[in-house]
Structure formats: structure tokens, C-alpha cells
Amino acid sequence: MITGSQCRAARALIEFSRERLAISAGVSIETVMDFERKLAEPTDDEVLALQSALENAGAVFISDNGRGIGVRLKFTKSEAKRIAILENEGGIVAPDRVP
């Protein structure tokens, strides 16, 4: 499970506002604010929802591997732009038929 500091760092990396994260995770904005400021500890389900929303948006959480916990981006900005272009190119959806 992630910490409030990891949540704040991941949100900054993927350029999500607190409001956007709250909507994506299905929690209140106050829950996000209190978690990031270490004022209150959300339920385990809420933390997992926040983590899942951040991971779906491109954050990768690094567990404590002897060098400390952290967060990084799944893709670089240029990779994310290329993926977005490919996802939005449209056309007919069909199964891949590779011989």
C-alpha cells in the first residue's frame, strides 16, 4: 500500500489535480487532501482505489528495496503522447490475424 507522500508525488508526476484523482478513485477530495497531508488515514479500500487510479494513469510505485520507497512514470511524455495518438486513431476494430 502507498503512503500519502507517494500519492502526492505520483499525482504531481502524472499531472493530476486532487479533484481529478478523487473522481478517478471514487473517493472524496477531503480523503485525498487528508491522506497527502497525513492528517487522517483512509480505509484500506480507499488507499487501494487511489493507488489503482494513479497506476492506471501512468504511475509506478516502487516498494522499499533497501534504498527507500518511491514513484516513477510508467512512460515518458513522448511515449504517452504516441500511445494517446494510437489509441485515438479510430477505424474499425477487428481481431489481429497473424499467420
N, C-alpha and C. Protein backbone atom coordinates (compact mmCIF):
# COMPACT_ATOMS: atom_id res chain seq x y z
N MET A 1 0.84 -1.18 0.00
CA MET A 1 0.00 0.00 0.00
C MET A 1 0.88 1.25 0.00
N ILE A 2 0.39 2.28 -0.65
CA ILE A 2 1.17 3.51 -0.81
C ILE A 2 1.02 4.41 0.41
N THR A 3 1.94 5.36 0.50
CA THR A 3 1.88 6.36 1.56
C THR A 3 1.29 7.66 1.00
N GLY A 4 0.97 8.58 1.88
CA GLY A 4 0.47 9.87 1.45
C GLY A 4 1.49 10.64 0.62
N SER A 5 2.76 10.51 0.98
CA SER A 5 3.82 11.17 0.22
C SER A 5 3.94 10.60 -1.19
N GLN A 6 3.82 9.28 -1.32
CA GLN A 6 3.85 8.66 -2.64
C GLN A 6 2.64 9.10 -3.47
N CYS A 7 1.50 9.22 -2.84
CA CYS A 7 0.29 9.67 -3.52
C CYS A 7 0.50 11.08 -4.08
N ARG A 8 1.02 11.96 -3.26
CA ARG A 8 1.26 13.35 -3.67
C ARG A 8 2.28 13.41 -4.80
N ALA A 9 3.36 12.63 -4.69
CA ALA A 9 4.40 12.61 -5.72
C ALA A 9 3.88 12.05 -7.03
N ALA A 10 3.11 10.97 -6.96
CA ALA A 10 2.55 10.37 -8.17
C ALA A 10 1.58 11.32 -8.85
N ARG A 11 0.79 11.99 -8.06
CA ARG A 11 -0.17 12.95 -8.61
C ARG A 11 0.55 14.08 -9.33
N ALA A 12 1.67 14.51 -8.79
CA ALA A 12 2.47 15.56 -9.43
C ALA A 12 3.09 15.05 -10.73
N LEU A 13 3.60 13.82 -10.71
CA LEU A 13 4.24 13.26 -11.91
C LEU A 13 3.26 13.10 -13.08
N ILE A 14 2.05 12.65 -12.78
CA ILE A 14 1.10 12.42 -13.86
C ILE A 14 0.22 13.65 -14.11
N GLU A 15 0.49 14.72 -13.36
CA GLU A 15 -0.20 15.99 -13.52
C GLU A 15 -1.71 15.87 -13.32
N PHE A 16 -2.09 15.23 -12.20
CA PHE A 16 -3.48 15.11 -11.79
C PHE A 16 -3.75 16.11 -10.67
N SER A 17 -4.88 16.76 -10.71
CA SER A 17 -5.31 17.58 -9.58
C SER A 17 -5.89 16.65 -8.52
N ARG A 18 -6.06 17.16 -7.32
CA ARG A 18 -6.70 16.35 -6.28
C ARG A 18 -8.11 15.97 -6.68
N GLU A 19 -8.80 16.91 -7.31
CA GLU A 19 -10.17 16.66 -7.74
C GLU A 19 -10.23 15.53 -8.76
N ARG A 20 -9.33 15.56 -9.72
CA ARG A 20 -9.32 14.53 -10.76
C ARG A 20 -9.01 13.16 -10.16
N LEU A 21 -8.06 13.11 -9.23
CA LEU A 21 -7.73 11.84 -8.58
C LEU A 21 -8.92 11.34 -7.77
N ALA A 22 -9.56 12.23 -7.05
CA ALA A 22 -10.71 11.82 -6.23
C ALA A 22 -11.81 11.23 -7.10
N ILE A 23 -12.08 11.86 -8.24
CA ILE A 23 -13.11 11.35 -9.14
C ILE A 23 -12.69 10.00 -9.72
N SER A 24 -11.45 9.89 -10.15
CA SER A 24 -10.95 8.64 -10.73
C SER A 24 -10.98 7.49 -9.73
N ALA A 25 -10.69 7.79 -8.48
CA ALA A 25 -10.64 6.76 -7.45
C ALA A 25 -11.99 6.52 -6.77
N GLY A 26 -12.92 7.42 -6.97
CA GLY A 26 -14.23 7.27 -6.33
C GLY A 26 -14.21 7.58 -4.84
N VAL A 27 -13.35 8.52 -4.45
CA VAL A 27 -13.29 8.95 -3.04
C VAL A 27 -13.51 10.45 -2.99
N SER A 28 -13.65 10.98 -1.79
CA SER A 28 -13.86 12.43 -1.66
C SER A 28 -12.53 13.18 -1.77
N ILE A 29 -12.63 14.44 -2.13
CA ILE A 29 -11.43 15.29 -2.22
C ILE A 29 -10.80 15.42 -0.85
N GLU A 30 -11.62 15.50 0.19
CA GLU A 30 -11.11 15.61 1.56
C GLU A 30 -10.27 14.39 1.93
N THR A 31 -10.67 13.21 1.45
CA THR A 31 -9.90 11.99 1.72
C THR A 31 -8.51 12.11 1.13
N VAL A 32 -8.42 12.60 -0.12
CA VAL A 32 -7.13 12.77 -0.78
C VAL A 32 -6.29 13.80 -0.03
N MET A 33 -6.89 14.94 0.30
CA MET A 33 -6.15 16.01 1.00
C MET A 33 -5.63 15.53 2.34
N ASP A 34 -6.50 14.89 3.12
CA ASP A 34 -6.09 14.43 4.45
C ASP A 34 -5.02 13.35 4.37
N PHE A 35 -5.11 12.46 3.38
CA PHE A 35 -4.12 11.40 3.21
C PHE A 35 -2.76 11.99 2.84
N GLU A 36 -2.74 12.92 1.90
CA GLU A 36 -1.48 13.52 1.47
C GLU A 36 -0.85 14.38 2.56
N ARG A 37 -1.65 15.00 3.37
CA ARG A 37 -1.14 15.86 4.45
C ARG A 37 -0.91 15.09 5.75
N LYS A 38 -1.18 13.80 5.74
CA LYS A 38 -1.01 12.93 6.90
C LYS A 38 -1.87 13.35 8.08
N LEU A 39 -3.07 13.87 7.77
CA LEU A 39 -4.00 14.28 8.81
C LEU A 39 -4.93 13.15 9.22
N ALA A 40 -5.18 12.23 8.29
CA ALA A 40 -6.04 11.09 8.56
C ALA A 40 -5.62 9.94 7.66
N GLU A 41 -5.87 8.73 8.13
CA GLU A 41 -5.54 7.54 7.35
C GLU A 41 -6.84 6.99 6.74
N PRO A 42 -6.92 6.97 5.41
CA PRO A 42 -8.12 6.41 4.78
C PRO A 42 -8.21 4.91 5.01
N THR A 43 -9.35 4.35 4.68
CA THR A 43 -9.51 2.90 4.80
C THR A 43 -8.61 2.21 3.78
N ASP A 44 -8.35 0.92 3.99
CA ASP A 44 -7.52 0.17 3.06
C ASP A 44 -8.11 0.18 1.65
N ASP A 45 -9.45 0.08 1.56
CA ASP A 45 -10.11 0.10 0.26
C ASP A 45 -9.90 1.44 -0.45
N GLU A 46 -9.94 2.53 0.30
CA GLU A 46 -9.73 3.85 -0.30
C GLU A 46 -8.29 4.02 -0.79
N VAL A 47 -7.33 3.53 -0.01
CA VAL A 47 -5.93 3.62 -0.42
C VAL A 47 -5.70 2.78 -1.67
N LEU A 48 -6.27 1.60 -1.72
CA LEU A 48 -6.14 0.75 -2.91
C LEU A 48 -6.79 1.40 -4.13
N ALA A 49 -7.92 2.09 -3.93
CA ALA A 49 -8.58 2.79 -5.04
C ALA A 49 -7.72 3.94 -5.54
N LEU A 50 -7.10 4.68 -4.62
CA LEU A 50 -6.19 5.77 -5.01
C LEU A 50 -4.99 5.21 -5.77
N GLN A 51 -4.40 4.14 -5.25
CA GLN A 51 -3.24 3.53 -5.90
C GLN A 51 -3.60 3.04 -7.29
N SER A 52 -4.73 2.38 -7.42
CA SER A 52 -5.16 1.86 -8.71
C SER A 52 -5.39 2.98 -9.72
N ALA A 53 -6.03 4.06 -9.29
CA ALA A 53 -6.29 5.20 -10.18
C ALA A 53 -4.98 5.83 -10.65
N LEU A 54 -4.02 5.95 -9.75
CA LEU A 54 -2.72 6.53 -10.11
C LEU A 54 -1.94 5.60 -11.05
N GLU A 55 -2.00 4.31 -10.78
CA GLU A 55 -1.31 3.36 -11.65
C GLU A 55 -1.93 3.33 -13.04
N ASN A 56 -3.25 3.41 -13.11
CA ASN A 56 -3.92 3.43 -14.41
C ASN A 56 -3.57 4.68 -15.21
N ALA A 57 -3.21 5.74 -14.52
CA ALA A 57 -2.85 6.99 -15.18
C ALA A 57 -1.36 7.06 -15.55
N GLY A 58 -0.58 6.05 -15.15
CA GLY A 58 0.82 6.01 -15.56
C GLY A 58 1.87 6.05 -14.47
N ALA A 59 1.46 5.99 -13.22
CA ALA A 59 2.44 5.99 -12.12
C ALA A 59 2.83 4.55 -11.79
N VAL A 60 4.07 4.36 -11.42
CA VAL A 60 4.57 3.06 -10.97
C VAL A 60 5.16 3.27 -9.58
N PHE A 61 4.67 2.50 -8.62
CA PHE A 61 5.14 2.64 -7.25
C PHE A 61 6.27 1.66 -6.98
N ILE A 62 7.30 2.15 -6.31
CA ILE A 62 8.49 1.37 -6.00
C ILE A 62 8.45 1.05 -4.52
N SER A 63 8.48 -0.25 -4.21
CA SER A 63 8.47 -0.64 -2.80
C SER A 63 9.84 -0.44 -2.18
N ASP A 64 9.91 -0.58 -0.88
CA ASP A 64 11.18 -0.41 -0.18
C ASP A 64 12.08 -1.59 -0.51
N ASN A 65 13.10 -1.32 -1.31
CA ASN A 65 14.03 -2.37 -1.73
C ASN A 65 15.39 -2.18 -1.08
N GLY A 66 15.39 -1.57 0.09
CA GLY A 66 16.64 -1.29 0.77
C GLY A 66 17.16 0.10 0.45
N ARG A 67 16.59 0.74 -0.55
CA ARG A 67 17.01 2.08 -0.94
C ARG A 67 15.88 3.08 -0.77
N GLY A 68 14.76 2.64 -0.21
CA GLY A 68 13.64 3.53 0.04
C GLY A 68 12.51 3.36 -0.95
N ILE A 69 11.33 3.84 -0.55
CA ILE A 69 10.16 3.76 -1.42
C ILE A 69 10.19 4.91 -2.41
N GLY A 70 9.38 4.80 -3.45
CA GLY A 70 9.35 5.87 -4.42
C GLY A 70 8.24 5.70 -5.43
N VAL A 71 8.29 6.56 -6.44
CA VAL A 71 7.31 6.52 -7.53
C VAL A 71 8.00 7.04 -8.78
N ARG A 72 7.63 6.49 -9.92
CA ARG A 72 8.16 6.95 -11.19
C ARG A 72 7.06 6.85 -12.23
N LEU A 73 7.33 7.39 -13.41
CA LEU A 73 6.38 7.31 -14.51
C LEU A 73 6.54 5.99 -15.25
N LYS A 74 5.42 5.46 -15.69
CA LYS A 74 5.43 4.23 -16.47
C LYS A 74 5.99 4.50 -17.87
N PHE A 75 5.63 5.66 -18.43
CA PHE A 75 6.07 6.05 -19.77
C PHE A 75 6.64 7.45 -19.71
N THR A 76 7.53 7.77 -20.66
CA THR A 76 7.99 9.15 -20.80
C THR A 76 6.86 9.95 -21.45
N LYS A 77 6.96 11.27 -21.42
CA LYS A 77 5.92 12.11 -22.03
C LYS A 77 5.76 11.82 -23.51
N SER A 78 6.86 11.61 -24.23
CA SER A 78 6.75 11.34 -25.66
C SER A 78 6.09 9.99 -25.92
N GLU A 79 6.41 8.99 -25.08
CA GLU A 79 5.75 7.69 -25.24
C GLU A 79 4.26 7.79 -24.95
N ALA A 80 3.90 8.54 -23.94
CA ALA A 80 2.49 8.72 -23.59
C ALA A 80 1.73 9.42 -24.72
N LYS A 81 2.36 10.41 -25.36
CA LYS A 81 1.72 11.10 -26.49
C LYS A 81 1.51 10.15 -27.66
N ARG A 82 2.53 9.33 -27.96
CA ARG A 82 2.39 8.38 -29.06
C ARG A 82 1.30 7.35 -28.78
N ILE A 83 1.20 6.89 -27.56
CA ILE A 83 0.16 5.94 -27.19
C ILE A 83 -1.21 6.58 -27.33
N ALA A 84 -1.34 7.83 -26.88
CA ALA A 84 -2.62 8.53 -26.99
C ALA A 84 -3.03 8.69 -28.44
N ILE A 85 -2.07 8.99 -29.31
CA ILE A 85 -2.38 9.13 -30.74
C ILE A 85 -2.85 7.79 -31.31
N LEU A 86 -2.16 6.72 -30.98
CA LEU A 86 -2.54 5.40 -31.47
C LEU A 86 -3.91 4.98 -30.96
N GLU A 87 -4.20 5.28 -29.69
CA GLU A 87 -5.48 4.90 -29.11
C GLU A 87 -6.63 5.68 -29.73
N ASN A 88 -6.37 6.86 -30.21
CA ASN A 88 -7.44 7.71 -30.75
C ASN A 88 -7.50 7.74 -32.27
N GLU A 89 -6.79 6.83 -32.94
CA GLU A 89 -6.77 6.90 -34.40
C GLU A 89 -8.06 6.41 -35.04
N GLY A 90 -8.90 5.72 -34.31
CA GLY A 90 -10.19 5.30 -34.84
C GLY A 90 -10.08 4.14 -35.80
N GLY A 91 -11.10 3.97 -36.58
CA GLY A 91 -11.12 2.87 -37.53
C GLY A 91 -11.93 1.72 -37.01
N ILE A 92 -12.03 0.70 -37.84
CA ILE A 92 -12.81 -0.48 -37.48
C ILE A 92 -12.00 -1.36 -36.56
N VAL A 93 -12.64 -1.80 -35.51
CA VAL A 93 -11.98 -2.69 -34.56
C VAL A 93 -12.15 -4.10 -35.06
N ALA A 94 -11.05 -4.81 -35.22
CA ALA A 94 -11.08 -6.19 -35.70
C ALA A 94 -9.96 -6.97 -35.02
N PRO A 95 -10.14 -8.28 -34.93
CA PRO A 95 -9.07 -9.08 -34.32
C PRO A 95 -7.85 -9.11 -35.23
N ASP A 96 -6.69 -9.22 -34.60
CA ASP A 96 -5.45 -9.36 -35.37
C ASP A 96 -5.35 -10.78 -35.89
N ARG A 97 -5.06 -10.89 -37.15
CA ARG A 97 -4.89 -12.23 -37.74
C ARG A 97 -3.48 -12.33 -38.28
N VAL A 98 -2.63 -12.89 -37.46
CA VAL A 98 -1.24 -13.04 -37.83
C VAL A 98 -1.02 -14.49 -38.24
N PRO A 99 -0.50 -14.73 -39.48
CA PRO A 99 -0.30 -16.12 -39.91
C PRO A 99 0.81 -16.78 -39.13
